[in-house]
Protein backbone atom coordinates (compact mmCIF):
# COMPACT_ATOMS: atom_id res chain seq x y z
CA MET A 1 -24.25 -14.38 -18.30
CA THR A 2 -21.35 -13.82 -20.71
CA LEU A 3 -20.68 -16.30 -23.47
CA ILE A 4 -17.00 -16.49 -24.36
CA ARG A 5 -16.00 -18.62 -27.31
CA GLY A 6 -12.68 -20.34 -27.78
CA SER A 7 -10.96 -22.42 -30.38
CA TYR A 8 -7.71 -24.34 -30.61
CA SER A 9 -5.67 -22.87 -33.46
CA GLY A 10 -2.88 -25.45 -33.36
CA ASN A 11 0.71 -25.29 -32.14
CA LEU A 12 -0.48 -25.14 -28.48
CA ARG A 13 -2.39 -21.91 -29.09
CA CYS A 14 -6.00 -20.88 -28.57
CA GLU A 15 -8.03 -17.86 -29.58
CA LEU A 16 -10.74 -16.55 -27.26
CA SER A 17 -13.56 -14.28 -28.39
CA HIS A 18 -15.65 -12.00 -26.17
CA PRO A 19 -19.14 -10.78 -27.22
CA SER A 20 -17.60 -7.29 -27.65
CA ASN A 21 -15.57 -8.77 -30.54
CA THR A 22 -12.36 -8.50 -28.53
CA THR A 23 -10.04 -11.45 -28.99
CA ILE A 24 -7.21 -12.83 -26.90
CA LYS A 25 -4.68 -15.38 -28.05
CA THR A 26 -3.00 -17.77 -25.65
CA ASP A 27 0.12 -19.85 -26.05
CA ALA A 28 1.69 -22.53 -23.93
CA PRO A 29 4.64 -21.10 -21.99
CA LYS A 30 8.21 -21.91 -22.98
CA ASP A 31 8.65 -24.10 -19.90
CA ASN A 32 5.69 -26.22 -20.99
CA HIS A 33 6.40 -26.96 -24.66
CA GLY A 34 5.12 -23.64 -26.07
CA GLU A 35 6.72 -20.61 -27.63
CA GLY A 36 5.47 -18.13 -25.02
CA MET A 37 4.35 -15.70 -27.74
CA PHE A 38 1.14 -14.71 -25.93
CA PHE A 39 -0.31 -14.88 -22.43
CA SER A 40 -0.55 -18.46 -21.23
CA PRO A 41 -3.84 -19.60 -19.66
CA THR A 42 -2.21 -19.42 -16.22
CA ASP A 43 -0.89 -15.91 -17.01
CA LEU A 44 -4.50 -14.89 -17.67
CA LEU A 45 -5.56 -16.37 -14.35
CA ALA A 46 -2.93 -14.32 -12.51
CA ALA A 47 -3.67 -11.17 -14.51
CA SER A 48 -7.38 -11.63 -13.82
CA LEU A 49 -6.70 -11.44 -10.10
CA GLY A 50 -4.84 -8.12 -10.39
CA SER A 51 -7.39 -6.66 -12.78
CA CYS A 52 -10.30 -7.74 -10.59
CA ILE A 53 -8.72 -6.23 -7.47
CA LEU A 54 -8.27 -2.85 -9.22
CA THR A 55 -11.74 -3.00 -10.77
CA ILE A 56 -13.41 -3.59 -7.41
CA ILE A 57 -11.26 -0.89 -5.78
CA GLY A 58 -12.32 1.48 -8.59
CA ILE A 59 -16.01 0.68 -8.06
CA ARG A 60 -15.85 1.08 -4.29
CA ALA A 61 -13.77 4.28 -4.55
CA ARG A 62 -16.22 5.78 -7.03
CA ASP A 63 -19.19 4.84 -4.82
CA LYS A 64 -17.61 6.53 -1.78
CA GLY A 65 -16.11 9.50 -3.63
CA ILE A 66 -12.51 8.44 -2.93
CA GLU A 67 -9.94 9.74 -5.42
CA ILE A 68 -7.54 6.90 -6.25
CA GLY A 69 -5.78 8.30 -9.32
CA ASN A 70 -4.54 5.55 -11.63
CA PRO A 71 -3.14 2.73 -9.49
CA GLU A 72 -1.04 0.09 -11.20
CA PHE A 73 -0.19 -3.52 -10.45
CA THR A 74 2.49 -6.05 -11.16
CA ILE A 75 1.99 -9.79 -10.87
CA GLN A 76 4.44 -12.54 -10.15
CA LYS A 77 3.09 -16.01 -10.86
CA THR A 78 4.85 -19.06 -9.41
CA MET A 79 4.06 -22.48 -10.76
CA SER A 80 4.06 -25.64 -8.64
CA SER A 81 4.67 -29.14 -9.94
CA ASN A 82 3.13 -32.51 -9.27
CA PRO A 83 0.49 -31.55 -10.19
CA ARG A 84 1.50 -28.61 -12.38
CA LYS A 85 -0.60 -25.65 -11.25
CA VAL A 86 -0.34 -22.05 -10.16
CA GLY A 87 0.97 -22.30 -6.61
CA LYS A 88 1.35 -18.63 -5.74
CA VAL A 89 0.34 -15.28 -7.17
CA GLY A 90 2.05 -12.19 -5.85
CA VAL A 91 0.18 -8.97 -6.59
CA HIS A 92 1.83 -5.61 -5.92
CA ILE A 93 -0.59 -2.69 -6.18
CA LYS A 94 0.85 0.81 -6.21
CA PHE A 95 -1.11 4.00 -5.63
CA SER A 96 0.38 7.34 -6.63
CA VAL A 97 -2.02 9.41 -4.52
CA GLU A 98 -2.30 9.94 -0.78
CA LEU A 99 -5.15 8.13 0.96
CA SER A 100 -6.39 8.27 4.53
CA LYS A 101 -5.80 5.29 6.80
CA GLU A 102 -9.53 4.55 6.76
CA ASP A 103 -9.73 4.66 2.96
CA LYS A 104 -6.68 2.39 2.65
CA GLU A 105 -8.15 -0.18 5.02
CA TYR A 106 -11.52 -0.10 3.29
CA LEU A 107 -10.13 -0.39 -0.25
CA GLU A 108 -7.64 -3.11 0.69
CA HIS A 109 -10.42 -5.17 2.28
CA GLU A 110 -12.66 -4.74 -0.75
CA GLY A 111 -9.83 -5.57 -3.17
CA ARG A 112 -8.80 -8.71 -1.30
CA ASN A 113 -12.42 -9.88 -1.52
CA CYS A 114 -12.90 -9.34 -5.24
CA PRO A 115 -14.81 -12.05 -7.15
CA VAL A 116 -11.67 -13.59 -8.68
CA ALA A 117 -9.86 -13.78 -5.32
CA LEU A 118 -12.88 -15.48 -3.78
CA SER A 119 -13.21 -17.90 -6.72
CA LEU A 120 -9.65 -19.24 -6.60
CA SER A 121 -8.74 -22.40 -4.71
CA SER A 122 -7.77 -21.96 -1.09
CA SER A 123 -4.59 -23.89 -1.92
CA LEU A 124 -3.41 -20.99 -4.12
CA ILE A 125 -1.30 -18.56 -2.12
CA GLN A 126 -2.43 -14.99 -2.80
CA GLU A 127 0.18 -12.51 -1.62
CA ILE A 128 -1.34 -9.06 -2.13
CA ILE A 129 0.79 -6.04 -1.24
CA PHE A 130 -0.42 -2.44 -1.33
CA GLU A 131 1.99 0.46 -1.69
CA TYR A 132 1.05 4.11 -1.30
CA ALA A 133 2.62 7.44 -2.28
C-alpha cells in the first residue's frame, strides 16, 4: 500500500507528496476558475491512463523479450458537463520500432487492460490508438 499525502495550498492549488519525496502540484484549469499553471486533477487522471498503458506494455515486453524501443504517447482529454467530469480520453501510442503482428496484438491487449484502464468508470470513453513504425 502506498500512502500519498496531499494538502490544499490555496488559490485552487494542491501539493501531493509521494513516499519517494517526489511532489506534484495541481491547479484548477483555466476553464474552471484556475490559472492552469500545473496539471489539473483531471489532467493527472488522463496522464495516468497513458503512463499505465506504457508501463504495463514495458513489463509484458520485458517478460517476453520483446524489444519495444521508447514508445511515446499523447493524450487528449475531453470534459463533459452536467455533471462536470472527464467524458473521453484519447490516447495515441506511437512505437518507433517494428513489431510482429502477434507482438502488437499481445501488447495492445495488455495495455488496454492496464490497472488504470480497468479502474475507470465504464461511462468514460477510452479511445486508445496504437501506431507503429
